[in-house]
Amino acid sequence: MTSSTGDTRSRIQAVALELFTEHGYEKTSLREIAERLGVTKAALYYHFKSKDDIVNSFVSDRIERLDGLIEWARQQPADAAGRRATLDRYSEEFFGDTGHSVMRFFEQNRTVLTHLSSGQMMKDRLLRMAEALSRADPSPAGQLRATLAIFAVHGSMFALRGPEISVEQRQRLALDVAYELLDRIGASGAEEDRTALPA
């Protein structure tokens, strides 16, 4: 892929994401995307044949970055500092330029992922991330705490709705809550967690 082709692809993704978030996925047409870009519909078709192709492309890009992050996370110490470092990097990806926009899109267009294979791929990556975070305590309680820590980052998108909350404040609050969950992984002992479950 040439630099100009890659730039055009990125511009299409950015404009489509903007329109999908503003007007909703179903109400946005390829023609509207082309018009905002200032290109013909044929030029848009050269890169993407459908709206689903566009969504799959930015999900695939995100999954590629998540795969790299998961691999990195597995190399980190399985202690509290390693878990925090991993979630810090995950939150940087989530709240970064495209991550934040992609997650806001999915929050506003939840049904899109149900009919795209990329939806299952995203769910799979989140579960793999939770596994990496709960290596010190793979008990059900450890896995749940790791998963909820990730959801704290995601949940900040819709739980903290005030316009006066900056992205940085939102990220800090999400991490504070997530750390509380992460720091308990392995701390109470697997025996305690097992006794909480029915025999």
C-alpha atoms as a PDB file:
ATOM      1  CA  MET A   1       0.000   0.000   0.000  1.00  0.00           C
ATOM      2  CA  THR A   2       1.455   3.379  -1.000  1.00  0.00           C
ATOM      3  CA  SER A   3       1.576   6.299   1.410  1.00  0.00           C
ATOM      4  CA  SER A   4      -1.119   8.221  -0.489  1.00  0.00           C
ATOM      5  CA  THR A   5      -3.387   5.151  -0.594  1.00  0.00           C
ATOM      6  CA  GLY A   6      -2.912   4.651   3.142  1.00  0.00           C
ATOM      7  CA  ASP A   7      -3.632   8.336   3.779  1.00  0.00           C
ATOM      8  CA  THR A   8      -6.831   8.175   1.707  1.00  0.00           C
ATOM      9  CA  ARG A   9      -7.946   5.040   3.543  1.00  0.00           C
ATOM     10  CA  SER A  10      -7.327   6.745   6.897  1.00  0.00           C
ATOM     11  CA  ARG A  11      -9.235   9.850   5.779  1.00  0.00           C
ATOM     12  CA  ILE A  12     -12.206   7.723   4.710  1.00  0.00           C
ATOM     13  CA  GLN A  13     -12.184   5.900   8.046  1.00  0.00           C
ATOM     14  CA  ALA A  14     -12.014   9.168   9.998  1.00  0.00           C
ATOM     15  CA  VAL A  15     -14.817  10.862   8.051  1.00  0.00           C
ATOM     16  CA  ALA A  16     -17.023   7.751   8.117  1.00  0.00           C
ATOM     17  CA  LEU A  17     -16.529   7.410  11.863  1.00  0.00           C
ATOM     18  CA  GLU A  18     -17.409  11.074  12.297  1.00  0.00           C
ATOM     19  CA  LEU A  19     -20.625  10.703  10.278  1.00  0.00           C
ATOM     20  CA  PHE A  20     -21.581   7.370  11.871  1.00  0.00           C
ATOM     21  CA  THR A  21     -21.239   8.997  15.293  1.00  0.00           C
ATOM     22  CA  GLU A  22     -23.101  12.180  14.300  1.00  0.00           C
ATOM     23  CA  HIS A  23     -26.008  10.609  12.399  1.00  0.00           C
ATOM     24  CA  GLY A  24     -25.882   6.896  13.217  1.00  0.00           C
ATOM     25  CA  TYR A  25     -24.609   4.029  11.121  1.00  0.00           C
ATOM     26  CA  GLU A  26     -27.940   3.211   9.480  1.00  0.00           C
ATOM     27  CA  LYS A  27     -28.701   6.816   8.509  1.00  0.00           C
ATOM     28  CA  THR A  28     -25.317   7.477   6.914  1.00  0.00           C
ATOM     29  CA  SER A  29     -24.830   6.600   3.243  1.00  0.00           C
ATOM     30  CA  LEU A  30     -21.681   6.044   1.227  1.00  0.00           C
ATOM     31  CA  ARG A  31     -22.727   9.046  -0.874  1.00  0.00           C
ATOM     32  CA  GLU A  32     -22.660  11.285   2.235  1.00  0.00           C
ATOM     33  CA  ILE A  33     -19.221   9.981   3.165  1.00  0.00           C
ATOM     34  CA  ALA A  34     -17.947  10.684  -0.357  1.00  0.00           C
ATOM     35  CA  GLU A  35     -19.477  14.196  -0.325  1.00  0.00           C
ATOM     36  CA  ARG A  36     -17.853  15.119   2.979  1.00  0.00           C
ATOM     37  CA  LEU A  37     -14.534  13.814   1.685  1.00  0.00           C
ATOM     38  CA  GLY A  38     -14.968  15.765  -1.551  1.00  0.00           C
ATOM     39  CA  VAL A  39     -14.514  12.684  -3.725  1.00  0.00           C
ATOM     40  CA  THR A  40     -16.740  10.735  -6.089  1.00  0.00           C
ATOM     41  CA  LYS A  41     -18.595   7.656  -4.936  1.00  0.00           C
ATOM     42  CA  ALA A  42     -16.508   5.657  -7.439  1.00  0.00           C
ATOM     43  CA  ALA A  43     -13.309   6.872  -5.744  1.00  0.00           C
ATOM     44  CA  LEU A  44     -14.708   5.743  -2.396  1.00  0.00           C
ATOM     45  CA  TYR A  45     -15.607   2.328  -3.863  1.00  0.00           C
ATOM     46  CA  TYR A  46     -11.971   1.886  -4.872  1.00  0.00           C
ATOM     47  CA  HIS A  47     -11.122   1.585  -1.161  1.00  0.00           C
ATOM     48  CA  PHE A  48     -14.358   0.292   0.390  1.00  0.00           C
ATOM     49  CA  LYS A  49     -17.345  -1.460  -1.202  1.00  0.00           C
ATOM     50  CA  SER A  50     -19.745  -0.928   1.699  1.00  0.00           C
ATOM     51  CA  LYS A  51     -20.213   0.669   5.088  1.00  0.00           C
ATOM     52  CA  ASP A  52     -19.596  -2.743   6.661  1.00  0.00           C
ATOM     53  CA  ASP A  53     -16.196  -2.804   4.941  1.00  0.00           C
ATOM     54  CA  ILE A  54     -15.345   0.546   6.522  1.00  0.00           C
ATOM     55  CA  VAL A  55     -16.393  -0.595  10.007  1.00  0.00           C
ATOM     56  CA  ASN A  56     -14.520  -3.874   9.613  1.00  0.00           C
ATOM     57  CA  SER A  57     -11.423  -1.930   8.557  1.00  0.00           C
ATOM     58  CA  PHE A  58     -11.188   0.226  11.659  1.00  0.00           C
ATOM     59  CA  VAL A  59     -12.093  -2.710  13.900  1.00  0.00           C
ATOM     60  CA  SER A  60      -9.358  -4.778  12.200  1.00  0.00           C
ATOM     61  CA  ASP A  61      -6.869  -1.966  12.768  1.00  0.00           C
ATOM     62  CA  ARG A  62      -7.876  -1.837  16.443  1.00  0.00           C
ATOM     63  CA  ILE A  63      -7.668  -5.625  16.797  1.00  0.00           C
ATOM     64  CA  GLU A  64      -4.159  -5.582  15.346  1.00  0.00           C
ATOM     65  CA  ARG A  65      -3.089  -3.048  17.973  1.00  0.00           C
ATOM     66  CA  LEU A  66      -4.838  -5.055  20.720  1.00  0.00           C
ATOM     67  CA  ASP A  67      -3.045  -8.235  19.638  1.00  0.00           C
ATOM     68  CA  GLY A  68       0.266  -6.439  20.061  1.00  0.00           C
ATOM     69  CA  LEU A  69      -0.787  -5.124  23.457  1.00  0.00           C
ATOM     70  CA  ILE A  70      -1.959  -8.560  24.650  1.00  0.00           C
ATOM     71  CA  GLU A  71       1.346 -10.100  23.605  1.00  0.00           C
ATOM     72  CA  TRP A  72       3.195  -7.344  25.487  1.00  0.00           C
ATOM     73  CA  ALA A  73       0.938  -7.837  28.547  1.00  0.00           C
ATOM     74  CA  ARG A  74       1.804 -11.534  28.720  1.00  0.00           C
ATOM     75  CA  GLN A  75       5.472 -10.593  29.050  1.00  0.00           C
ATOM     76  CA  GLN A  76       4.839  -8.309  32.036  1.00  0.00           C
ATOM     77  CA  PRO A  77       5.133  -9.446  35.664  1.00  0.00           C
ATOM     78  CA  ALA A  78       1.900 -11.019  36.938  1.00  0.00           C
ATOM     79  CA  ASP A  79       1.897  -8.698  39.953  1.00  0.00           C
ATOM     80  CA  ALA A  80      -0.033  -5.512  40.793  1.00  0.00           C
ATOM     81  CA  ALA A  81       2.555  -3.271  39.094  1.00  0.00           C
ATOM     82  CA  GLY A  82       2.440  -5.385  35.923  1.00  0.00           C
ATOM     83  CA  ARG A  83      -1.369  -5.321  35.874  1.00  0.00           C
ATOM     84  CA  ARG A  84      -1.431  -1.552  36.324  1.00  0.00           C
ATOM     85  CA  ALA A  85       1.155  -1.043  33.578  1.00  0.00           C
ATOM     86  CA  THR A  86      -0.923  -3.219  31.242  1.00  0.00           C
ATOM     87  CA  LEU A  87      -4.158  -1.382  31.968  1.00  0.00           C
ATOM     88  CA  ASP A  88      -2.381   1.965  31.631  1.00  0.00           C
ATOM     89  CA  ARG A  89      -1.327   1.001  28.102  1.00  0.00           C
ATOM     90  CA  TYR A  90      -4.810  -0.321  27.339  1.00  0.00           C
ATOM     91  CA  SER A  91      -6.384   2.940  28.501  1.00  0.00           C
ATOM     92  CA  GLU A  92      -3.922   4.937  26.367  1.00  0.00           C
ATOM     93  CA  GLU A  93      -5.091   2.894  23.369  1.00  0.00           C
ATOM     94  CA  PHE A  94      -8.726   3.299  24.377  1.00  0.00           C
ATOM     95  CA  PHE A  95      -8.601   7.046  25.037  1.00  0.00           C
ATOM     96  CA  GLY A  96      -6.179   7.775  22.183  1.00  0.00           C
ATOM     97  CA  ASP A  97      -7.114   9.570  18.985  1.00  0.00           C
ATOM     98  CA  THR A  98      -8.906   6.749  17.176  1.00  0.00           C
ATOM     99  CA  GLY A  99      -9.653   4.403  20.071  1.00  0.00           C
ATOM    100  CA  HIS A 100     -11.894   6.938  21.780  1.00  0.00           C
ATOM    101  CA  SER A 101     -13.826   7.644  18.568  1.00  0.00           C
ATOM    102  CA  VAL A 102     -14.215   3.961  17.697  1.00  0.00           C
ATOM    103  CA  MET A 103     -15.563   3.089  21.142  1.00  0.00           C
ATOM    104  CA  ARG A 104     -17.954   6.051  21.086  1.00  0.00           C
ATOM    105  CA  PHE A 105     -19.201   4.791  17.715  1.00  0.00           C
ATOM    106  CA  PHE A 106     -19.832   1.303  19.115  1.00  0.00           C
ATOM    107  CA  GLU A 107     -21.571   2.729  22.166  1.00  0.00           C
ATOM    108  CA  GLN A 108     -23.951   4.690  19.931  1.00  0.00           C
ATOM    109  CA  ASN A 109     -24.386   1.932  17.326  1.00  0.00           C
ATOM    110  CA  ARG A 110     -24.446  -1.274  19.393  1.00  0.00           C
ATOM    111  CA  THR A 111     -26.386  -3.348  16.877  1.00  0.00           C
ATOM    112  CA  VAL A 112     -23.648  -2.954  14.259  1.00  0.00           C
ATOM    113  CA  LEU A 113     -21.318  -5.397  15.978  1.00  0.00           C
ATOM    114  CA  THR A 114     -23.986  -8.068  16.297  1.00  0.00           C
ATOM    115  CA  HIS A 115     -24.042  -8.722  12.547  1.00  0.00           C
ATOM    116  CA  LEU A 116     -20.333  -8.252  11.844  1.00  0.00           C
ATOM    117  CA  SER A 117     -17.709 -10.925  12.478  1.00  0.00           C
ATOM    118  CA  SER A 118     -15.476  -8.197  13.853  1.00  0.00           C
ATOM    119  CA  GLY A 119     -17.804  -7.927  16.852  1.00  0.00           C
ATOM    120  CA  GLN A 120     -16.927 -11.441  17.983  1.00  0.00           C
ATOM    121  CA  MET A 121     -13.256 -10.709  17.346  1.00  0.00           C
ATOM    122  CA  MET A 122     -13.417  -7.655  19.639  1.00  0.00           C
ATOM    123  CA  LYS A 123     -15.101  -9.693  22.377  1.00  0.00           C
ATOM    124  CA  ASP A 124     -12.413 -12.374  22.028  1.00  0.00           C
ATOM    125  CA  ARG A 125      -9.618  -9.784  22.440  1.00  0.00           C
ATOM    126  CA  LEU A 126     -11.231  -8.346  25.568  1.00  0.00           C
ATOM    127  CA  LEU A 127     -11.405 -11.829  27.104  1.00  0.00           C
ATOM    128  CA  ARG A 128      -7.759 -12.448  26.201  1.00  0.00           C
ATOM    129  CA  MET A 129      -6.815  -9.161  27.843  1.00  0.00           C
ATOM    130  CA  ALA A 130      -8.703 -10.208  30.997  1.00  0.00           C
ATOM    131  CA  GLU A 131      -6.807 -13.523  30.973  1.00  0.00           C
ATOM    132  CA  ALA A 132      -3.504 -11.672  30.783  1.00  0.00           C
ATOM    133  CA  LEU A 133      -4.529  -9.461  33.702  1.00  0.00           C
ATOM    134  CA  SER A 134      -5.692 -12.359  35.900  1.00  0.00           C
ATOM    135  CA  ARG A 135      -2.652 -14.653  35.483  1.00  0.00           C
ATOM    136  CA  ALA A 136      -1.793 -14.314  39.191  1.00  0.00           C
ATOM    137  CA  ASP A 137      -5.274 -15.530  40.114  1.00  0.00           C
ATOM    138  CA  PRO A 138      -7.138 -17.362  37.329  1.00  0.00           C
ATOM    139  CA  SER A 139      -9.990 -18.224  39.701  1.00  0.00           C
ATOM    140  CA  PRO A 140     -13.496 -17.077  38.707  1.00  0.00           C
ATOM    141  CA  ALA A 141     -13.160 -14.099  41.068  1.00  0.00           C
ATOM    142  CA  GLY A 142      -9.800 -13.136  39.578  1.00  0.00           C
ATOM    143  CA  GLN A 143     -11.153 -13.368  36.035  1.00  0.00           C
ATOM    144  CA  LEU A 144     -14.210 -11.321  36.966  1.00  0.00           C
ATOM    145  CA  ARG A 145     -12.131  -8.595  38.608  1.00  0.00           C
ATOM    146  CA  ALA A 146      -9.885  -8.371  35.547  1.00  0.00           C
ATOM    147  CA  THR A 147     -12.866  -8.194  33.192  1.00  0.00           C
ATOM    148  CA  LEU A 148     -14.608  -5.559  35.304  1.00  0.00           C
ATOM    149  CA  ALA A 149     -11.401  -3.501  35.394  1.00  0.00           C
ATOM    150  CA  ILE A 150     -11.448  -3.423  31.584  1.00  0.00           C
ATOM    151  CA  PHE A 151     -15.157  -2.568  31.640  1.00  0.00           C
ATOM    152  CA  ALA A 152     -14.409   0.333  33.995  1.00  0.00           C
ATOM    153  CA  VAL A 153     -12.364   1.880  31.188  1.00  0.00           C
ATOM    154  CA  HIS A 154     -15.094   1.199  28.633  1.00  0.00           C
ATOM    155  CA  GLY A 155     -17.931   2.154  30.981  1.00  0.00           C
ATOM    156  CA  SER A 156     -16.506   5.611  31.529  1.00  0.00           C
ATOM    157  CA  MET A 157     -17.723   6.435  28.003  1.00  0.00           C
ATOM    158  CA  PHE A 158     -21.396   6.236  28.951  1.00  0.00           C
ATOM    159  CA  ALA A 159     -21.375   6.369  32.774  1.00  0.00           C
ATOM    160  CA  LEU A 160     -19.648   9.780  32.880  1.00  0.00           C
ATOM    161  CA  ARG A 161     -21.802  11.893  30.609  1.00  0.00           C
ATOM    162  CA  GLY A 162     -21.154  15.415  31.855  1.00  0.00           C
ATOM    163  CA  PRO A 163     -19.664  17.674  29.156  1.00  0.00           C
ATOM    164  CA  GLU A 164     -17.528  19.316  31.830  1.00  0.00           C
ATOM    165  CA  ILE A 165     -15.535  16.081  32.263  1.00  0.00           C
ATOM    166  CA  SER A 166     -12.461  16.113  30.046  1.00  0.00           C
ATOM    167  CA  VAL A 167     -11.077  13.001  28.377  1.00  0.00           C
ATOM    168  CA  GLU A 168      -8.115  13.136  30.779  1.00  0.00           C
ATOM    169  CA  GLN A 169     -10.410  13.290  33.842  1.00  0.00           C
ATOM    170  CA  ARG A 170     -12.535  10.472  32.451  1.00  0.00           C
ATOM    171  CA  GLN A 171      -9.440   8.328  31.940  1.00  0.00           C
ATOM    172  CA  ARG A 172      -8.118   9.076  35.436  1.00  0.00           C
ATOM    173  CA  LEU A 173     -11.447   8.178  37.091  1.00  0.00           C
ATOM    174  CA  ALA A 174     -11.722   4.976  35.058  1.00  0.00           C
ATOM    175  CA  LEU A 175      -8.203   3.915  36.040  1.00  0.00           C
ATOM    176  CA  ASP A 176      -8.769   4.715  39.722  1.00  0.00           C
ATOM    177  CA  VAL A 177     -11.778   2.372  39.800  1.00  0.00           C
ATOM    178  CA  ALA A 178     -10.001  -0.251  37.684  1.00  0.00           C
ATOM    179  CA  TYR A 179      -6.959  -0.233  39.989  1.00  0.00           C
ATOM    180  CA  GLU A 180      -9.183  -1.044  42.971  1.00  0.00           C
ATOM    181  CA  LEU A 181     -10.290  -4.195  41.158  1.00  0.00           C
ATOM    182  CA  LEU A 182      -6.847  -5.099  39.805  1.00  0.00           C
ATOM    183  CA  ASP A 183      -5.122  -4.689  43.169  1.00  0.00           C
ATOM    184  CA  ARG A 184      -7.412  -7.331  44.690  1.00  0.00           C
ATOM    185  CA  ILE A 185      -6.463  -9.965  42.133  1.00  0.00           C
ATOM    186  CA  GLY A 186      -4.528 -12.626  44.018  1.00  0.00           C
ATOM    187  CA  ALA A 187      -4.470 -10.524  47.191  1.00  0.00           C
ATOM    188  CA  SER A 188      -7.275 -12.328  49.050  1.00  0.00           C
ATOM    189  CA  GLY A 189      -6.168 -15.803  47.990  1.00  0.00           C
ATOM    190  CA  ALA A 190      -7.895 -18.257  45.727  1.00  0.00           C
ATOM    191  CA  GLU A 191      -9.161 -20.229  48.741  1.00  0.00           C
ATOM    192  CA  GLU A 192     -11.388 -17.345  49.833  1.00  0.00           C
ATOM    193  CA  ASP A 193     -12.778 -17.004  46.326  1.00  0.00           C
ATOM    194  CA  ARG A 194     -13.485 -20.733  46.091  1.00  0.00           C
ATOM    195  CA  THR A 195     -15.460 -20.734  49.320  1.00  0.00           C
ATOM    196  CA  ALA A 196     -17.682 -17.981  47.923  1.00  0.00           C
ATOM    197  CA  LEU A 197     -18.807 -20.296  45.122  1.00  0.00           C
ATOM    198  CA  PRO A 198     -21.450 -22.990  45.656  1.00  0.00           C
ATOM    199  CA  ALA A 199     -20.097 -26.549  45.791  1.00  0.00           C
END
